[in-house]
């Protein structure tokens, strides 16, 4: 098979590794992580690539995205099937399962996540990965605005003075994907946890979902949309579903 993978750049290292080992031909297009801040714009960009892929002899389009702030809700398969992980966001993909994601969310609310690719590709939009059902969109936006105006160090200082970090977050968690040396990112996470009075945890990542995405192993944990179907939110453990446009 020939696959087109559309993915957030925060999955770059593990995605390229798994694609290199895939039995299929996998072409990868990465999108800047900052596009998550404008879900409608990200959705439009992804849809453009999904539509173009239908005329480029691909067998499937596969997504290195979950629901991701509803950025994939409404995506429509065009001429060829579209495959989307059943995941709220990339934390599920890093951890390897929805069950593990749910366990983290229930047992450790208020977690600020650190992953190598995200930190390496950080820009003016901020430092770490405040994603998941426990993230605070308003707080994240305030932080991004402070970074844009005053720089990251000053933004951190202002958030600490305002007590925002301690009010919403209590834990720094570094996910080691085992793909490259992430010691510098782990050290950064430890340092920021100490400075902000958080606990620190180091978790082993799991490549299983990313590997299955590009290996074509979609029997479980993935939604396969036929041409004409679009992604919907299900508000349950499945995370996403599909629907066809109304007749008429």
Protein backbone atom coordinates (compact mmCIF):
# COMPACT_ATOMS: atom_id res chain seq x y z
CA UNK A 1 0.00 0.00 0.00
CA UNK A 2 0.94 3.63 -0.41
CA UNK A 3 -0.01 5.83 2.53
CA UNK A 4 -0.05 9.58 2.98
CA UNK A 5 0.43 10.47 6.64
CA UNK A 6 -0.63 13.95 7.77
CA UNK A 7 0.78 14.62 11.22
CA UNK A 8 1.59 17.22 13.82
CA UNK A 9 5.32 17.81 14.01
CA UNK A 10 5.40 16.81 17.70
CA UNK A 11 5.32 13.18 16.48
CA UNK A 12 8.21 13.61 14.04
CA UNK A 13 10.92 11.35 15.50
CA UNK A 14 8.74 8.34 16.42
CA UNK A 15 6.69 8.70 13.24
CA UNK A 16 9.72 8.73 10.92
CA UNK A 17 11.20 5.76 12.78
CA UNK A 18 8.03 3.69 12.45
CA UNK A 19 7.49 4.74 8.83
CA UNK A 20 11.03 3.64 7.95
CA UNK A 21 10.21 0.16 9.26
CA UNK A 22 6.73 -0.06 7.76
CA UNK A 23 6.08 -2.69 5.08
CA UNK A 24 4.25 0.03 3.14
CA UNK A 25 5.32 3.17 1.30
CA UNK A 26 4.64 6.05 3.67
CA UNK A 27 4.89 9.71 2.67
CA UNK A 28 4.76 12.12 5.61
CA UNK A 29 3.61 15.74 5.72
CA UNK A 30 4.21 17.56 9.01
CA UNK A 31 2.20 20.53 10.24
CA UNK A 32 3.41 23.10 12.76
CA UNK A 33 2.23 22.44 16.29
CA UNK A 34 1.16 26.07 16.69
CA UNK A 35 -1.71 25.43 14.27
CA UNK A 36 -3.56 23.76 17.17
CA UNK A 37 -4.28 27.26 18.42
CA UNK A 38 -6.62 27.78 15.46
CA UNK A 39 -8.53 24.48 15.02
CA UNK A 40 -10.64 25.71 12.12
CA UNK A 41 -7.55 26.78 10.16
CA UNK A 42 -5.79 23.49 10.90
CA UNK A 43 -8.88 21.55 9.82
CA UNK A 44 -9.00 23.46 6.52
CA UNK A 45 -5.32 22.76 5.84
CA UNK A 46 -5.72 19.07 6.62
CA UNK A 47 -8.82 18.84 4.42
CA UNK A 48 -6.93 20.40 1.51
CA UNK A 49 -4.25 17.70 1.77
CA UNK A 50 -6.83 14.93 2.16
CA UNK A 51 -8.57 16.16 -0.98
CA UNK A 52 -5.33 16.44 -2.97
CA UNK A 53 -4.27 12.93 -1.91
CA UNK A 54 -7.28 11.46 -3.69
CA UNK A 55 -5.69 12.36 -7.02
CA UNK A 56 -2.15 11.22 -6.16
CA UNK A 57 -2.46 7.41 -6.28
CA UNK A 58 -2.50 6.89 -2.51
CA UNK A 59 -4.48 3.99 -1.09
CA UNK A 60 -5.18 5.62 2.28
CA UNK A 61 -4.67 8.88 4.13
CA UNK A 62 -3.67 8.29 7.76
CA UNK A 63 -3.68 10.96 10.44
CA UNK A 64 -1.01 11.63 13.05
CA UNK A 65 -3.70 13.49 14.97
CA UNK A 66 -6.45 12.61 17.40
CA UNK A 67 -9.45 14.83 17.93
CA UNK A 68 -6.99 17.57 18.96
CA UNK A 69 -9.27 20.35 20.14
CA UNK A 70 -11.86 19.39 17.48
CA UNK A 71 -9.36 20.15 14.70
CA UNK A 72 -10.19 16.85 12.99
CA UNK A 73 -13.95 16.97 13.66
CA UNK A 74 -15.61 17.41 10.27
CA UNK A 75 -12.73 16.06 8.18
CA UNK A 76 -14.15 14.26 5.17
CA UNK A 77 -12.71 11.31 3.26
CA UNK A 78 -12.51 12.05 -0.47
CA UNK A 79 -12.31 9.16 -2.97
CA UNK A 80 -9.97 7.12 -0.75
CA UNK A 81 -10.39 6.00 2.89
CA UNK A 82 -9.21 8.17 5.77
CA UNK A 83 -7.79 6.63 8.97
CA UNK A 84 -7.86 8.54 12.29
CA UNK A 85 -6.70 7.28 15.71
CA UNK A 86 -9.40 7.18 18.37
CA UNK A 87 -7.58 9.63 20.63
CA UNK A 88 -8.28 12.93 22.31
CA UNK A 89 -4.82 14.26 21.44
CA UNK A 90 -1.23 13.22 20.88
CA UNK A 91 -0.69 12.29 24.54
CA UNK A 92 -2.70 9.12 23.82
CA UNK A 93 -0.36 8.38 20.91
CA UNK A 94 2.71 8.93 23.08
CA UNK A 95 1.36 6.73 25.89
CA UNK A 96 0.20 3.97 23.55
CA UNK A 97 -3.46 3.53 24.54
CA UNK A 98 -6.67 5.28 25.49
CA UNK A 99 -6.76 3.27 28.72
CA UNK A 100 -3.37 4.57 29.83
CA UNK A 101 -4.35 8.09 28.86
CA UNK A 102 -7.54 7.82 30.92
CA UNK A 103 -5.62 6.47 33.89
CA UNK A 104 -3.26 9.44 33.78
CA UNK A 105 -6.13 11.90 33.49
CA UNK A 106 -8.07 10.40 36.39
CA UNK A 107 -5.14 9.86 38.75
CA UNK A 108 -2.98 12.86 37.91
CA UNK A 109 -5.12 15.87 36.91
CA UNK A 110 -3.25 19.11 36.33
CA UNK A 111 -0.29 17.58 34.48
CA UNK A 112 2.06 19.59 32.27
CA UNK A 113 3.56 17.23 29.66
CA UNK A 114 7.08 17.31 28.23
CA UNK A 115 8.00 15.39 25.07
CA UNK A 116 11.25 15.69 23.13
CA UNK A 117 9.90 16.62 19.70
CA UNK A 118 7.58 19.25 21.15
CA UNK A 119 10.33 20.98 23.11
CA UNK A 120 12.82 20.75 20.24
CA UNK A 121 10.34 22.40 17.92
CA UNK A 122 9.20 25.07 20.37
CA UNK A 123 8.89 28.60 19.09
CA UNK A 124 7.28 31.75 20.36
CA UNK A 125 4.13 29.84 21.29
CA UNK A 126 5.64 28.46 24.49
CA UNK A 127 7.56 25.65 26.06
CA UNK A 128 5.82 22.48 27.19
CA UNK A 129 2.83 20.43 26.25
CA UNK A 130 -0.31 21.33 28.19
CA UNK A 131 -2.61 18.93 26.40
CA UNK A 132 -5.40 16.58 27.33
CA UNK A 133 -8.84 16.85 28.84
CA UNK A 134 -7.27 18.48 31.90
CA UNK A 135 -5.63 21.33 30.04
CA UNK A 136 -6.85 24.87 30.58
CA UNK A 137 -7.30 26.62 27.24
CA UNK A 138 -7.66 30.08 28.76
CA UNK A 139 -4.51 29.69 30.83
CA UNK A 140 -2.55 28.39 27.85
CA UNK A 141 -3.69 31.36 25.75
CA UNK A 142 -2.64 33.80 28.49
CA UNK A 143 0.79 32.17 28.65
CA UNK A 144 1.20 32.32 24.87
CA UNK A 145 0.29 36.01 24.90
CA UNK A 146 2.87 36.68 27.62
CA UNK A 147 5.52 34.79 25.63
CA UNK A 148 4.76 36.78 22.49
CA UNK A 149 5.00 40.10 24.36
CA UNK A 150 7.74 39.50 26.91
CA UNK A 151 9.65 36.32 26.03
CA UNK A 152 9.47 32.88 27.61
CA UNK A 153 11.46 33.55 30.79
CA UNK A 154 9.45 36.66 31.60
CA UNK A 155 6.21 34.84 30.77
CA UNK A 156 7.12 32.08 33.23
CA UNK A 157 7.88 34.70 35.88
CA UNK A 158 4.56 36.48 35.34
CA UNK A 159 2.61 33.24 35.51
CA UNK A 160 4.34 32.32 38.75
CA UNK A 161 3.72 35.75 40.28
CA UNK A 162 0.04 35.46 39.35
CA UNK A 163 -0.06 31.99 40.86
CA UNK A 164 -1.47 30.59 37.63
CA UNK A 165 0.90 27.64 37.35
CA UNK A 166 0.21 26.35 40.87
CA UNK A 167 -3.51 26.97 40.57
CA UNK A 168 -3.95 24.80 37.47
CA UNK A 169 -0.96 22.43 37.39
CA UNK A 170 0.66 20.25 40.04
CA UNK A 171 2.82 17.83 38.08
CA UNK A 172 5.44 17.81 35.33
CA UNK A 173 5.57 14.55 33.36
CA UNK A 174 8.32 13.73 30.87
CA UNK A 175 7.47 11.01 28.33
CA UNK A 176 10.55 9.16 27.07
CA UNK A 177 9.77 7.68 23.66
CA UNK A 178 13.11 5.87 23.49
CA UNK A 179 13.83 7.20 20.02
CA UNK A 180 16.68 9.62 20.72
CA UNK A 181 18.58 11.14 23.64
CA UNK A 182 16.02 13.25 25.47
CA UNK A 183 18.10 13.90 28.59
CA UNK A 184 18.14 17.66 28.02
CA UNK A 185 14.35 17.80 27.83
CA UNK A 186 14.02 15.61 30.91
CA UNK A 187 16.40 17.91 32.78
CA UNK A 188 14.34 20.93 31.73
CA UNK A 189 11.16 19.28 32.99
CA UNK A 190 12.80 18.46 36.34
CA UNK A 191 14.10 22.01 36.70
CA UNK A 192 10.75 23.61 35.93
CA UNK A 193 8.95 21.22 38.28
CA UNK A 194 11.30 22.20 41.10
CA UNK A 195 10.92 25.91 40.40
CA UNK A 196 7.13 25.74 40.29
CA UNK A 197 6.72 23.40 43.25
CA UNK A 198 5.34 20.51 41.18
CA UNK A 199 6.02 16.82 41.50
CA UNK A 200 8.02 15.27 38.65
CA UNK A 201 7.39 11.95 36.92
CA UNK A 202 9.20 10.18 34.12
CA UNK A 203 7.03 7.88 31.99
CA UNK A 204 8.06 5.38 29.35
CA UNK A 205 6.35 6.11 26.07
CA UNK A 206 4.93 3.41 23.81
CA UNK A 207 5.20 3.41 20.01
CA UNK A 208 2.44 0.86 19.50
CA UNK A 209 -0.26 3.23 18.17
CA UNK A 210 2.14 5.19 15.96
CA UNK A 211 3.56 1.95 14.59
CA UNK A 212 0.15 0.48 13.92
CA UNK A 213 -0.93 3.70 12.19
CA UNK A 214 1.76 3.39 9.50
CA UNK A 215 1.81 -0.41 9.39
CA UNK A 216 -1.87 -0.56 8.39
CA UNK A 217 -2.92 -2.41 11.55
CA UNK A 218 -6.21 -0.60 12.11
CA UNK A 219 -8.53 -3.28 13.51
CA UNK A 220 -8.71 -1.62 16.92
CA UNK A 221 -8.25 1.95 18.15
CA UNK A 222 -8.63 3.50 14.70
CA UNK A 223 -11.57 4.92 12.78
CA UNK A 224 -11.64 4.14 9.04
CA UNK A 225 -13.81 6.53 7.06
CA UNK A 226 -15.06 5.59 3.61
CA UNK A 227 -15.24 8.23 0.88
CA UNK A 228 -17.94 10.75 1.69
CA UNK A 229 -17.91 10.08 5.45
CA UNK A 230 -16.74 12.72 7.90
CA UNK A 231 -15.36 12.65 11.44
CA UNK A 232 -17.76 13.33 14.30
CA UNK A 233 -17.32 13.63 18.06
CA UNK A 234 -18.94 10.81 20.06
CA UNK A 235 -18.52 12.09 23.63
CA UNK A 236 -17.74 8.57 24.84
CA UNK A 237 -14.83 6.12 25.06
CA UNK A 238 -14.64 5.87 21.25
CA UNK A 239 -13.77 9.60 21.10
CA UNK A 240 -14.68 9.89 17.40
CA UNK A 241 -17.16 8.38 14.96
CA UNK A 242 -18.21 8.96 11.38
CA UNK A 243 -21.28 10.12 9.53
CA UNK A 244 -22.34 10.56 5.93
CA UNK A 245 -23.83 13.79 4.61
CA UNK A 246 -27.62 13.95 4.71
CA UNK A 247 -29.29 12.84 1.51
CA UNK A 248 -30.92 15.45 -0.62
